[in-house]
Amino acid sequence: MNARLIIALIWLALPLHAQGFAGLGQGGEGFALPEPGRVFDFPADHGAHPDYRIEWWYVTAALTGEDGRDYGVQWTLFRSALTPTGPQVWMGHFGLTTPDAHFTGERFARGDIGQAGVEPTPFDAWIDDWLLTGPTFDTLQLTAQTSEAGYDLALLAQGPLVFHGDAGFSIKSQSGQASYYYSQPFYEVTGTLDLPEGPMKVTGKAWLDREWSSQPLEGDQEGWDWFSLHFDDGFRLMAFALRGGADFHYASWIAPDGTLTPYYGDALGLEPLATSVVEGRDVPTRWRLTLPAQQVDVTVEAVNPGSWQSTLFPYWEGPVRVTGSHAATGYLEMTGYE
């Protein structure tokens, strides 16, 4: 049997909605579990943590083309293990969004034969020839290509890493499910998109999320709505709502110098304002987001409502425009919609 098919079947073995989106509510017995007070160790923590069940390196970039239009790029590398002593399996996701089209790619690989992996220094994350690589975590090159589209982007960090929740210990439920979670939200981006109509030079801002855990969701949490926003005044905002069971809201307000203020529960307001039918599903593609403590009251709207990732675990992900009390660009991810 083809190795990629075997890996896909392993991922399919993870229970889906009964155990949270893509099995993230599945029990983490035998794996390490996040605890408060971790002292992060860099560059080592930019690499893999195989004693935890699930992990990802997640890049989104909100871009402007030389034609003045909005574009977006996603690149994600997932690592997972079914058992504490079992093989490490890897999955890569590619997304490229224009105002008129959305391109999706997906790959599966085994880490033990070199098809995929992450080395912390010099930093190198790869699945086949999809690469996120550079001399340090602050200076990276992002390249990926499918049969339809591709990108080659340079990322240069202009600020520090930020650590969500309690110094990187990120609670995801009322009962205490958690992950380790930090981000680099200060990348400036330059590069080129490879589109069917030809190359497009772009500039913009990127956000890289690093997260690992062994059971980051409750079993009855069926999905999430996640926002990463780059405000024109230099502030950043990461916000999410976990749906199902007892809903859980969280926001990180990030100052231009990297100072992070966390907010929980009703401090963050998320209200769907309009939906779009995407691949037969009703998906909210226009939102009102409020964070009264920081005088934020904005409308977040998809650049392209059809930004559907038709991957093994399908979800919506694409660039957004932000208007209201603050102007911004950014990204929205929504999972668990049927």
C-alpha atoms as a PDB file:
ATOM      1  CA  MET A   1       0.000   0.000   0.000  1.00  0.00           C
ATOM      2  CA  ASN A   2       1.243   3.533  -0.808  1.00  0.00           C
ATOM      3  CA  ALA A   3       2.948   5.115   2.220  1.00  0.00           C
ATOM      4  CA  ARG A   4       0.950   8.336   1.844  1.00  0.00           C
ATOM      5  CA  LEU A   5      -2.293   6.370   1.865  1.00  0.00           C
ATOM      6  CA  ILE A   6      -1.222   4.580   5.043  1.00  0.00           C
ATOM      7  CA  ILE A   7      -0.498   7.909   6.746  1.00  0.00           C
ATOM      8  CA  ALA A   8      -3.842   9.303   5.601  1.00  0.00           C
ATOM      9  CA  LEU A   9      -5.594   6.267   7.074  1.00  0.00           C
ATOM     10  CA  ILE A  10      -3.781   6.826  10.375  1.00  0.00           C
ATOM     11  CA  TRP A  11      -5.065  10.411  10.479  1.00  0.00           C
ATOM     12  CA  LEU A  12      -8.552   9.149   9.583  1.00  0.00           C
ATOM     13  CA  ALA A  13      -8.422   6.803  12.560  1.00  0.00           C
ATOM     14  CA  LEU A  14      -8.578   9.835  14.853  1.00  0.00           C
ATOM     15  CA  PRO A  15     -12.222  10.330  15.926  1.00  0.00           C
ATOM     16  CA  LEU A  16     -13.587  13.573  14.561  1.00  0.00           C
ATOM     17  CA  HIS A  17     -16.638  15.375  15.933  1.00  0.00           C
ATOM     18  CA  ALA A  18     -17.211  12.992  18.825  1.00  0.00           C
ATOM     19  CA  GLN A  19     -13.722  13.888  20.018  1.00  0.00           C
ATOM     20  CA  GLY A  20     -13.417  17.512  18.961  1.00  0.00           C
ATOM     21  CA  PHE A  21     -12.251  18.771  15.599  1.00  0.00           C
ATOM     22  CA  ALA A  22      -9.721  16.398  13.965  1.00  0.00           C
ATOM     23  CA  GLY A  23      -9.420  14.322  17.139  1.00  0.00           C
ATOM     24  CA  LEU A  24      -8.050  17.155  19.267  1.00  0.00           C
ATOM     25  CA  GLY A  25     -10.419  16.200  22.092  1.00  0.00           C
ATOM     26  CA  GLN A  26      -9.079  12.656  22.161  1.00  0.00           C
ATOM     27  CA  GLY A  27      -7.499  11.578  25.419  1.00  0.00           C
ATOM     28  CA  GLY A  28      -3.784  12.093  25.859  1.00  0.00           C
ATOM     29  CA  GLU A  29      -3.071   9.059  28.061  1.00  0.00           C
ATOM     30  CA  GLY A  30       0.591   8.141  28.067  1.00  0.00           C
ATOM     31  CA  PHE A  31       1.692  11.410  26.478  1.00  0.00           C
ATOM     32  CA  ALA A  32       3.193  14.406  28.242  1.00  0.00           C
ATOM     33  CA  LEU A  33       0.685  17.076  29.248  1.00  0.00           C
ATOM     34  CA  PRO A  34       1.210  20.853  29.391  1.00  0.00           C
ATOM     35  CA  GLU A  35       1.629  22.373  32.825  1.00  0.00           C
ATOM     36  CA  PRO A  36       1.852  25.985  33.991  1.00  0.00           C
ATOM     37  CA  GLY A  37       5.264  27.489  34.563  1.00  0.00           C
ATOM     38  CA  ARG A  38       7.161  26.028  31.627  1.00  0.00           C
ATOM     39  CA  VAL A  39      10.508  27.708  31.005  1.00  0.00           C
ATOM     40  CA  PHE A  40      10.771  27.828  27.221  1.00  0.00           C
ATOM     41  CA  ASP A  41      14.144  26.902  25.746  1.00  0.00           C
ATOM     42  CA  PHE A  42      15.095  28.463  22.413  1.00  0.00           C
ATOM     43  CA  PRO A  43      15.995  27.575  19.787  1.00  0.00           C
ATOM     44  CA  ALA A  44      15.186  24.000  20.929  1.00  0.00           C
ATOM     45  CA  ASP A  45      11.460  24.727  21.429  1.00  0.00           C
ATOM     46  CA  HIS A  46      11.152  25.824  17.796  1.00  0.00           C
ATOM     47  CA  GLY A  47      11.676  22.124  17.015  1.00  0.00           C
ATOM     48  CA  ALA A  48       9.479  19.076  17.568  1.00  0.00           C
ATOM     49  CA  HIS A  49       8.204  17.708  20.895  1.00  0.00           C
ATOM     50  CA  PRO A  50       7.453  14.020  20.160  1.00  0.00           C
ATOM     51  CA  ASP A  51       6.444  13.272  23.752  1.00  0.00           C
ATOM     52  CA  TYR A  52       3.267  15.300  23.065  1.00  0.00           C
ATOM     53  CA  ARG A  53       0.535  13.915  20.813  1.00  0.00           C
ATOM     54  CA  ILE A  54      -0.098  16.848  18.469  1.00  0.00           C
ATOM     55  CA  GLU A  55       1.911  19.843  17.309  1.00  0.00           C
ATOM     56  CA  TRP A  56       1.980  22.446  14.528  1.00  0.00           C
ATOM     57  CA  TRP A  57       3.971  25.180  12.819  1.00  0.00           C
ATOM     58  CA  TYR A  58       1.354  27.491  11.294  1.00  0.00           C
ATOM     59  CA  VAL A  59       2.007  30.477   9.013  1.00  0.00           C
ATOM     60  CA  THR A  60      -0.592  32.885   7.645  1.00  0.00           C
ATOM     61  CA  ALA A  61       0.219  35.996   5.624  1.00  0.00           C
ATOM     62  CA  ALA A  62      -2.108  38.859   4.664  1.00  0.00           C
ATOM     63  CA  LEU A  63      -0.662  40.350   1.485  1.00  0.00           C
ATOM     64  CA  THR A  64      -1.138  43.152  -1.025  1.00  0.00           C
ATOM     65  CA  GLY A  65      -0.199  42.605  -4.647  1.00  0.00           C
ATOM     66  CA  GLU A  66       1.502  45.097  -6.941  1.00  0.00           C
ATOM     67  CA  ASP A  67      -1.952  45.334  -8.578  1.00  0.00           C
ATOM     68  CA  GLY A  68      -3.347  46.759  -5.295  1.00  0.00           C
ATOM     69  CA  ARG A  69      -5.522  43.717  -4.540  1.00  0.00           C
ATOM     70  CA  ASP A  70      -5.621  41.611  -1.371  1.00  0.00           C
ATOM     71  CA  TYR A  71      -4.123  38.125  -1.258  1.00  0.00           C
ATOM     72  CA  GLY A  72      -3.450  35.547   1.441  1.00  0.00           C
ATOM     73  CA  VAL A  73      -1.176  32.580   2.052  1.00  0.00           C
ATOM     74  CA  GLN A  74      -1.270  29.705   4.532  1.00  0.00           C
ATOM     75  CA  TRP A  75       1.425  27.084   5.196  1.00  0.00           C
ATOM     76  CA  THR A  76       1.038  24.544   7.998  1.00  0.00           C
ATOM     77  CA  LEU A  77       3.020  21.537   9.137  1.00  0.00           C
ATOM     78  CA  PHE A  78       1.275  19.188  11.584  1.00  0.00           C
ATOM     79  CA  ARG A  79       2.962  16.422  13.596  1.00  0.00           C
ATOM     80  CA  SER A  80       0.935  13.702  15.298  1.00  0.00           C
ATOM     81  CA  ALA A  81       1.358  10.334  17.019  1.00  0.00           C
ATOM     82  CA  LEU A  82      -1.340   7.800  17.823  1.00  0.00           C
ATOM     83  CA  THR A  83       0.620   6.248  20.707  1.00  0.00           C
ATOM     84  CA  PRO A  84       3.505   7.497  22.875  1.00  0.00           C
ATOM     85  CA  THR A  85       5.856   4.953  21.290  1.00  0.00           C
ATOM     86  CA  GLY A  86       4.340   4.909  17.810  1.00  0.00           C
ATOM     87  CA  PRO A  87       5.532   6.524  14.605  1.00  0.00           C
ATOM     88  CA  GLN A  88       5.449  10.269  14.062  1.00  0.00           C
ATOM     89  CA  VAL A  89       3.196  11.138  11.151  1.00  0.00           C
ATOM     90  CA  TRP A  90       3.121  14.496   9.394  1.00  0.00           C
ATOM     91  CA  MET A  91       0.578  16.453   7.395  1.00  0.00           C
ATOM     92  CA  GLY A  92       1.155  19.646   5.414  1.00  0.00           C
ATOM     93  CA  HIS A  93      -1.452  22.188   4.308  1.00  0.00           C
ATOM     94  CA  PHE A  94      -1.143  24.802   1.572  1.00  0.00           C
ATOM     95  CA  GLY A  95      -3.559  27.678   1.009  1.00  0.00           C
ATOM     96  CA  LEU A  96      -3.399  30.584  -1.425  1.00  0.00           C
ATOM     97  CA  THR A  97      -6.308  33.018  -1.662  1.00  0.00           C
ATOM     98  CA  THR A  98      -7.061  35.730  -4.206  1.00  0.00           C
ATOM     99  CA  PRO A  99     -10.226  37.861  -4.325  1.00  0.00           C
ATOM    100  CA  ASP A 100     -11.525  35.500  -7.023  1.00  0.00           C
ATOM    101  CA  ALA A 101     -10.072  32.063  -6.274  1.00  0.00           C
ATOM    102  CA  HIS A 102      -8.773  29.779  -3.543  1.00  0.00           C
ATOM    103  CA  PHE A 103      -6.112  27.088  -4.028  1.00  0.00           C
ATOM    104  CA  THR A 104      -5.627  24.179  -1.626  1.00  0.00           C
ATOM    105  CA  GLY A 105      -2.888  21.596  -1.235  1.00  0.00           C
ATOM    106  CA  GLU A 106      -2.235  18.753   1.206  1.00  0.00           C
ATOM    107  CA  ARG A 107       0.574  16.276   1.797  1.00  0.00           C
ATOM    108  CA  PHE A 108       1.229  13.369   4.160  1.00  0.00           C
ATOM    109  CA  ALA A 109       4.604  12.017   5.208  1.00  0.00           C
ATOM    110  CA  ARG A 110       6.534   9.872   7.661  1.00  0.00           C
ATOM    111  CA  GLY A 111       9.191  11.522   9.744  1.00  0.00           C
ATOM    112  CA  ASP A 112      11.299   8.403  10.281  1.00  0.00           C
ATOM    113  CA  ILE A 113      12.315   8.219   6.614  1.00  0.00           C
ATOM    114  CA  GLY A 114      13.056  11.914   6.193  1.00  0.00           C
ATOM    115  CA  GLN A 115       9.983  12.981   4.230  1.00  0.00           C
ATOM    116  CA  ALA A 116       9.110  15.582   6.856  1.00  0.00           C
ATOM    117  CA  GLY A 117      10.480  17.090  10.030  1.00  0.00           C
ATOM    118  CA  VAL A 118      11.724  20.149  11.877  1.00  0.00           C
ATOM    119  CA  GLU A 119      15.242  21.138  12.928  1.00  0.00           C
ATOM    120  CA  PRO A 120      15.479  24.101  15.331  1.00  0.00           C
ATOM    121  CA  THR A 121      18.878  25.505  14.353  1.00  0.00           C
ATOM    122  CA  PRO A 122      19.350  26.525  11.653  1.00  0.00           C
ATOM    123  CA  PHE A 123      15.575  26.462  11.482  1.00  0.00           C
ATOM    124  CA  ASP A 124      14.239  24.009   8.898  1.00  0.00           C
ATOM    125  CA  ALA A 125      10.649  22.722   8.665  1.00  0.00           C
ATOM    126  CA  TRP A 126       9.711  20.655   5.642  1.00  0.00           C
ATOM    127  CA  ILE A 127       7.339  18.152   4.111  1.00  0.00           C
ATOM    128  CA  ASP A 128       8.876  17.004   0.851  1.00  0.00           C
ATOM    129  CA  ASP A 129       9.736  20.239  -1.003  1.00  0.00           C
ATOM    130  CA  TRP A 130       7.364  22.517   0.918  1.00  0.00           C
ATOM    131  CA  LEU A 131       9.788  24.479   3.065  1.00  0.00           C
ATOM    132  CA  LEU A 132       9.923  26.982   5.916  1.00  0.00           C
ATOM    133  CA  THR A 133      13.624  27.544   6.444  1.00  0.00           C
ATOM    134  CA  GLY A 134      16.209  30.114   7.499  1.00  0.00           C
ATOM    135  CA  PRO A 135      19.333  30.792   9.540  1.00  0.00           C
ATOM    136  CA  THR A 136      17.160  31.755  12.538  1.00  0.00           C
ATOM    137  CA  PHE A 137      13.468  31.858  13.435  1.00  0.00           C
ATOM    138  CA  ASP A 138      13.536  35.606  12.712  1.00  0.00           C
ATOM    139  CA  THR A 139      14.635  35.295   9.079  1.00  0.00           C
ATOM    140  CA  LEU A 140      12.732  32.686   7.091  1.00  0.00           C
ATOM    141  CA  GLN A 141      11.966  31.705   3.521  1.00  0.00           C
ATOM    142  CA  LEU A 142       8.572  30.112   2.808  1.00  0.00           C
ATOM    143  CA  THR A 143       8.151  28.131  -0.399  1.00  0.00           C
ATOM    144  CA  ALA A 144       5.483  25.740  -1.639  1.00  0.00           C
ATOM    145  CA  GLN A 145       4.005  24.783  -4.985  1.00  0.00           C
ATOM    146  CA  THR A 146       1.010  22.789  -6.197  1.00  0.00           C
ATOM    147  CA  SER A 147      -0.032  21.996  -9.760  1.00  0.00           C
ATOM    148  CA  GLU A 148      -2.192  25.150  -9.734  1.00  0.00           C
ATOM    149  CA  ALA A 149      -0.342  27.785  -7.710  1.00  0.00           C
ATOM    150  CA  GLY A 150       2.549  28.501  -5.387  1.00  0.00           C
ATOM    151  CA  TYR A 151       4.517  31.091  -3.429  1.00  0.00           C
ATOM    152  CA  ASP A 152       8.041  32.100  -2.532  1.00  0.00           C
ATOM    153  CA  LEU A 153       8.084  34.565   0.377  1.00  0.00           C
ATOM    154  CA  ALA A 154      10.727  36.097   2.648  1.00  0.00           C
ATOM    155  CA  LEU A 155       9.705  36.662   6.309  1.00  0.00           C
ATOM    156  CA  LEU A 156      11.663  39.072   8.502  1.00  0.00           C
ATOM    157  CA  ALA A 157      10.636  39.486  12.170  1.00  0.00           C
ATOM    158  CA  GLN A 158      10.402  43.097  13.408  1.00  0.00           C
ATOM    159  CA  GLY A 159       9.449  42.280  16.997  1.00  0.00           C
ATOM    160  CA  PRO A 160       9.712  39.593  19.697  1.00  0.00           C
ATOM    161  CA  LEU A 161       7.954  36.296  20.255  1.00  0.00           C
ATOM    162  CA  VAL A 162       4.750  36.528  22.303  1.00  0.00           C
ATOM    163  CA  PHE A 163       3.411  33.932  24.738  1.00  0.00           C
ATOM    164  CA  HIS A 164      -0.343  33.449  25.012  1.00  0.00           C
ATOM    165  CA  GLY A 165      -2.395  32.807  28.137  1.00  0.00           C
ATOM    166  CA  ASP A 166      -0.248  32.420  31.253  1.00  0.00           C
ATOM    167  CA  ALA A 167       3.276  32.886  29.829  1.00  0.00           C
ATOM    168  CA  GLY A 168       2.614  30.372  27.046  1.00  0.00           C
ATOM    169  CA  PHE A 169       0.313  28.036  28.975  1.00  0.00           C
ATOM    170  CA  SER A 170      -2.907  28.440  26.970  1.00  0.00           C
ATOM    171  CA  ILE A 171      -6.156  27.220  28.551  1.00  0.00           C
ATOM    172  CA  LYS A 172      -8.772  25.966  26.066  1.00  0.00           C
ATOM    173  CA  SER A 173     -11.691  24.937  28.292  1.00  0.00           C
ATOM    174  CA  GLN A 174     -13.345  25.536  31.647  1.00  0.00           C
ATOM    175  CA  SER A 175     -12.044  22.169  32.851  1.00  0.00           C
ATOM    176  CA  GLY A 176      -8.444  22.996  32.069  1.00  0.00           C
ATOM    177  CA  GLN A 177      -7.508  21.472  28.706  1.00  0.00           C
ATOM    178  CA  ALA A 178      -4.453  23.405  27.552  1.00  0.00           C
ATOM    179  CA  SER A 179      -1.564  23.709  25.142  1.00  0.00           C
ATOM    180  CA  TYR A 180       1.773  25.444  25.013  1.00  0.00           C
ATOM    181  CA  TYR A 181       1.249  28.328  22.606  1.00  0.00           C
ATOM    182  CA  TYR A 182       3.511  31.108  21.391  1.00  0.00           C
ATOM    183  CA  SER A 183       3.589  33.205  18.223  1.00  0.00           C
ATOM    184  CA  GLN A 184       5.793  35.404  16.085  1.00  0.00           C
ATOM    185  CA  PRO A 185       3.261  38.026  14.877  1.00  0.00           C
ATOM    186  CA  PHE A 186       5.760  40.622  13.652  1.00  0.00           C
ATOM    187  CA  TYR A 187       6.948  39.285  10.299  1.00  0.00           C
ATOM    188  CA  GLU A 188       7.199  41.675   7.367  1.00  0.00           C
ATOM    189  CA  VAL A 189       6.786  39.822   4.071  1.00  0.00           C
ATOM    190  CA  THR A 190       8.042  40.286   0.526  1.00  0.00           C
ATOM    191  CA  GLY A 191       7.934  37.841  -2.340  1.00  0.00           C
ATOM    192  CA  THR A 192       6.048  36.417  -5.269  1.00  0.00           C
ATOM    193  CA  LEU A 193       2.875  34.409  -5.774  1.00  0.00           C
ATOM    194  CA  ASP A 194       2.777  31.948  -8.666  1.00  0.00           C
ATOM    195  CA  LEU A 195      -0.783  32.314 -10.009  1.00  0.00           C
ATOM    196  CA  PRO A 196      -2.408  30.716 -13.078  1.00  0.00           C
ATOM    197  CA  GLU A 197      -2.387  34.121 -14.779  1.00  0.00           C
ATOM    198  CA  GLY A 198       1.286  34.706 -13.964  1.00  0.00           C
ATOM    199  CA  PRO A 199       3.586  35.864 -11.141  1.00  0.00           C
ATOM    200  CA  MET A 200       2.399  38.519  -8.684  1.00  0.00           C
ATOM    201  CA  LYS A 201       4.802  40.438  -6.455  1.00  0.00           C
ATOM    202  CA  VAL A 202       3.413  40.966  -2.958  1.00  0.00           C
ATOM    203  CA  THR A 203       4.194  42.615   0.359  1.00  0.00           C
ATOM    204  CA  GLY A 204       2.441  42.287   3.701  1.00  0.00           C
ATOM    205  CA  LYS A 205       2.521  40.858   7.194  1.00  0.00           C
ATOM    206  CA  ALA A 206       2.729  37.282   8.447  1.00  0.00           C
ATOM    207  CA  TRP A 207       1.913  35.491  11.687  1.00  0.00           C
ATOM    208  CA  LEU A 208       3.516  32.221  12.798  1.00  0.00           C
ATOM    209  CA  ASP A 209       1.827  30.121  15.498  1.00  0.00           C
ATOM    210  CA  ARG A 210       3.600  27.389  17.454  1.00  0.00           C
ATOM    211  CA  GLU A 211       1.452  25.082  19.533  1.00  0.00           C
ATOM    212  CA  TRP A 212       1.725  21.619  21.039  1.00  0.00           C
ATOM    213  CA  SER A 213      -0.328  19.507  23.427  1.00  0.00           C
ATOM    214  CA  SER A 214      -1.752  16.039  23.936  1.00  0.00           C
ATOM    215  CA  GLN A 215      -5.447  16.867  24.453  1.00  0.00           C
ATOM    216  CA  PRO A 216      -5.980  20.572  23.728  1.00  0.00           C
ATOM    217  CA  LEU A 217      -9.793  20.367  23.508  1.00  0.00           C
ATOM    218  CA  GLU A 218     -12.661  18.959  25.527  1.00  0.00           C
ATOM    219  CA  GLY A 219     -14.351  15.977  23.886  1.00  0.00           C
ATOM    220  CA  ASP A 220     -17.525  17.990  23.232  1.00  0.00           C
ATOM    221  CA  GLN A 221     -15.751  21.054  21.754  1.00  0.00           C
ATOM    222  CA  GLU A 222     -16.508  20.659  18.069  1.00  0.00           C
ATOM    223  CA  GLY A 223     -14.545  23.493  16.503  1.00  0.00           C
ATOM    224  CA  TRP A 224     -13.280  27.050  16.756  1.00  0.00           C
ATOM    225  CA  ASP A 225     -13.241  30.503  15.204  1.00  0.00           C
ATOM    226  CA  TRP A 226      -9.718  31.992  15.298  1.00  0.00           C
ATOM    227  CA  PHE A 227      -8.629  35.504  14.333  1.00  0.00           C
ATOM    228  CA  SER A 228      -5.149  37.017  13.912  1.00  0.00           C
ATOM    229  CA  LEU A 229      -5.247  40.738  13.133  1.00  0.00           C
ATOM    230  CA  HIS A 230      -2.534  43.279  12.298  1.00  0.00           C
ATOM    231  CA  PHE A 231      -3.866  46.741  13.162  1.00  0.00           C
ATOM    232  CA  ASP A 232      -2.599  49.725  11.204  1.00  0.00           C
ATOM    233  CA  ASP A 233      -1.426  51.427  14.433  1.00  0.00           C
ATOM    234  CA  GLY A 234       1.034  48.592  15.161  1.00  0.00           C
ATOM    235  CA  PHE A 235      -1.037  46.606  17.668  1.00  0.00           C
ATOM    236  CA  ARG A 236      -1.914  42.948  17.078  1.00  0.00           C
ATOM    237  CA  LEU A 237      -4.811  40.808  18.255  1.00  0.00           C
ATOM    238  CA  MET A 238      -5.203  37.042  18.469  1.00  0.00           C
ATOM    239  CA  ALA A 239      -8.683  35.910  19.476  1.00  0.00           C
ATOM    240  CA  PHE A 240     -10.588  32.643  19.440  1.00  0.00           C
ATOM    241  CA  ALA A 241     -13.886  31.117  20.446  1.00  0.00           C
ATOM    242  CA  LEU A 242     -14.145  27.366  21.008  1.00  0.00           C
ATOM    243  CA  ARG A 243     -17.625  26.054  20.260  1.00  0.00           C
ATOM    244  CA  GLY A 244     -19.583  23.163  21.732  1.00  0.00           C
ATOM    245  CA  GLY A 245     -20.179  22.173  25.323  1.00  0.00           C
ATOM    246  CA  ALA A 246     -19.218  25.224  27.344  1.00  0.00           C
ATOM    247  CA  ASP A 247     -18.021  27.841  24.838  1.00  0.00           C
ATOM    248  CA  PHE A 248     -14.628  29.307  25.692  1.00  0.00           C
ATOM    249  CA  HIS A 249     -13.356  32.752  24.586  1.00  0.00           C
ATOM    250  CA  TYR A 250      -9.827  34.140  24.757  1.00  0.00           C
ATOM    251  CA  ALA A 251      -7.921  37.122  23.300  1.00  0.00           C
ATOM    252  CA  SER A 252      -4.291  38.292  23.315  1.00  0.00           C
ATOM    253  CA  TRP A 253      -3.840  42.051  22.899  1.00  0.00           C
ATOM    254  CA  ILE A 254      -0.274  42.638  21.682  1.00  0.00           C
ATOM    255  CA  ALA A 255       1.406  46.060  21.832  1.00  0.00           C
ATOM    256  CA  PRO A 256       3.955  47.142  19.200  1.00  0.00           C
ATOM    257  CA  ASP A 257       6.784  46.295  21.615  1.00  0.00           C
ATOM    258  CA  GLY A 258       5.395  42.762  22.131  1.00  0.00           C
ATOM    259  CA  THR A 259       3.786  43.327  25.539  1.00  0.00           C
ATOM    260  CA  LEU A 260       0.817  40.941  25.750  1.00  0.00           C
ATOM    261  CA  THR A 261      -2.371  41.402  27.770  1.00  0.00           C
ATOM    262  CA  PRO A 262      -4.652  38.325  28.015  1.00  0.00           C
ATOM    263  CA  TYR A 263      -8.468  38.489  28.149  1.00  0.00           C
ATOM    264  CA  TYR A 264     -10.912  35.701  28.908  1.00  0.00           C
ATOM    265  CA  GLY A 265     -14.625  35.008  28.637  1.00  0.00           C
ATOM    266  CA  ASP A 266     -17.020  37.905  28.129  1.00  0.00           C
ATOM    267  CA  ALA A 267     -14.141  40.367  27.729  1.00  0.00           C
ATOM    268  CA  LEU A 268     -14.129  39.266  24.066  1.00  0.00           C
ATOM    269  CA  GLY A 269     -17.250  39.583  21.944  1.00  0.00           C
ATOM    270  CA  LEU A 270     -17.657  37.607  18.701  1.00  0.00           C
ATOM    271  CA  GLU A 271     -20.916  37.898  16.769  1.00  0.00           C
ATOM    272  CA  PRO A 272     -21.511  36.433  13.298  1.00  0.00           C
ATOM    273  CA  LEU A 273     -23.113  39.070  11.052  1.00  0.00           C
ATOM    274  CA  ALA A 274     -23.477  37.202   7.751  1.00  0.00           C
ATOM    275  CA  THR A 275     -22.940  33.712   6.387  1.00  0.00           C
ATOM    276  CA  SER A 276     -21.912  32.335   3.018  1.00  0.00           C
ATOM    277  CA  VAL A 277     -22.743  28.954   1.513  1.00  0.00           C
ATOM    278  CA  VAL A 278     -19.357  27.327   1.008  1.00  0.00           C
ATOM    279  CA  GLU A 279     -19.155  23.750  -0.283  1.00  0.00           C
ATOM    280  CA  GLY A 280     -22.746  23.235   0.864  1.00  0.00           C
ATOM    281  CA  ARG A 281     -22.110  24.577   4.362  1.00  0.00           C
ATOM    282  CA  ASP A 282     -23.317  27.791   5.989  1.00  0.00           C
ATOM    283  CA  VAL A 283     -20.145  29.486   7.204  1.00  0.00           C
ATOM    284  CA  PRO A 284     -19.993  32.916   8.922  1.00  0.00           C
ATOM    285  CA  THR A 285     -17.787  35.136   6.749  1.00  0.00           C
ATOM    286  CA  ARG A 286     -18.548  38.523   8.321  1.00  0.00           C
ATOM    287  CA  TRP A 287     -18.152  39.091  12.082  1.00  0.00           C
ATOM    288  CA  ARG A 288     -18.374  41.779  14.697  1.00  0.00           C
ATOM    289  CA  LEU A 289     -15.436  41.548  17.106  1.00  0.00           C
ATOM    290  CA  THR A 290     -15.351  43.635  20.289  1.00  0.00           C
ATOM    291  CA  LEU A 291     -12.731  44.007  23.010  1.00  0.00           C
ATOM    292  CA  PRO A 292     -14.084  46.889  25.126  1.00  0.00           C
ATOM    293  CA  ALA A 293     -11.027  47.052  27.387  1.00  0.00           C
ATOM    294  CA  GLN A 294      -9.016  48.220  24.357  1.00  0.00           C
ATOM    295  CA  GLN A 295     -11.847  50.196  22.670  1.00  0.00           C
ATOM    296  CA  VAL A 296     -11.997  47.667  19.830  1.00  0.00           C
ATOM    297  CA  ASP A 297     -15.276  47.358  17.914  1.00  0.00           C
ATOM    298  CA  VAL A 298     -14.623  46.147  14.377  1.00  0.00           C
ATOM    299  CA  THR A 299     -16.196  44.316  11.483  1.00  0.00           C
ATOM    300  CA  VAL A 300     -14.106  41.446  10.119  1.00  0.00           C
ATOM    301  CA  GLU A 301     -14.982  40.380   6.571  1.00  0.00           C
ATOM    302  CA  ALA A 302     -13.542  37.706   4.310  1.00  0.00           C
ATOM    303  CA  VAL A 303     -11.584  38.834   1.270  1.00  0.00           C
ATOM    304  CA  ASN A 304     -12.940  35.744  -0.500  1.00  0.00           C
ATOM    305  CA  PRO A 305     -15.894  33.966   1.160  1.00  0.00           C
ATOM    306  CA  GLY A 306     -15.033  30.787  -0.745  1.00  0.00           C
ATOM    307  CA  SER A 307     -11.723  30.182   1.067  1.00  0.00           C
ATOM    308  CA  TRP A 308     -12.493  26.544   1.841  1.00  0.00           C
ATOM    309  CA  GLN A 309      -9.657  24.134   2.594  1.00  0.00           C
ATOM    310  CA  SER A 310     -10.927  20.874   1.075  1.00  0.00           C
ATOM    311  CA  THR A 311      -8.406  18.780   2.982  1.00  0.00           C
ATOM    312  CA  LEU A 312      -8.735  15.520   4.912  1.00  0.00           C
ATOM    313  CA  PHE A 313     -10.220  17.536   7.789  1.00  0.00           C
ATOM    314  CA  PRO A 314     -11.941  20.361   5.856  1.00  0.00           C
ATOM    315  CA  TYR A 315     -12.158  23.887   7.269  1.00  0.00           C
ATOM    316  CA  TRP A 316     -12.398  27.549   6.232  1.00  0.00           C
ATOM    317  CA  GLU A 317      -9.280  29.727   6.230  1.00  0.00           C
ATOM    318  CA  GLY A 318      -8.541  32.975   4.449  1.00  0.00           C
ATOM    319  CA  PRO A 319      -7.483  36.621   4.638  1.00  0.00           C
ATOM    320  CA  VAL A 320      -9.827  39.264   6.043  1.00  0.00           C
ATOM    321  CA  ARG A 321     -10.343  43.024   5.932  1.00  0.00           C
ATOM    322  CA  VAL A 322     -11.118  44.890   9.148  1.00  0.00           C
ATOM    323  CA  THR A 323     -13.042  48.163   9.501  1.00  0.00           C
ATOM    324  CA  GLY A 324     -14.596  50.108  12.375  1.00  0.00           C
ATOM    325  CA  SER A 325     -12.781  51.447  15.421  1.00  0.00           C
ATOM    326  CA  HIS A 326      -9.515  50.070  13.993  1.00  0.00           C
ATOM    327  CA  ALA A 327      -8.357  49.299  10.455  1.00  0.00           C
ATOM    328  CA  ALA A 328      -6.477  46.044   9.993  1.00  0.00           C
ATOM    329  CA  THR A 329      -5.622  43.092   7.822  1.00  0.00           C
ATOM    330  CA  GLY A 330      -5.371  39.547   9.043  1.00  0.00           C
ATOM    331  CA  TYR A 331      -6.582  35.983   8.881  1.00  0.00           C
ATOM    332  CA  LEU A 332      -9.628  33.990   9.990  1.00  0.00           C
ATOM    333  CA  GLU A 333      -9.792  30.221  10.535  1.00  0.00           C
ATOM    334  CA  MET A 334     -13.056  28.382  11.229  1.00  0.00           C
ATOM    335  CA  THR A 335     -13.281  24.653  11.925  1.00  0.00           C
ATOM    336  CA  GLY A 336     -16.004  22.163  12.735  1.00  0.00           C
ATOM    337  CA  TYR A 337     -18.689  23.554  10.401  1.00  0.00           C
ATOM    338  CA  GLU A 338     -21.013  21.038   8.748  1.00  0.00           C
END
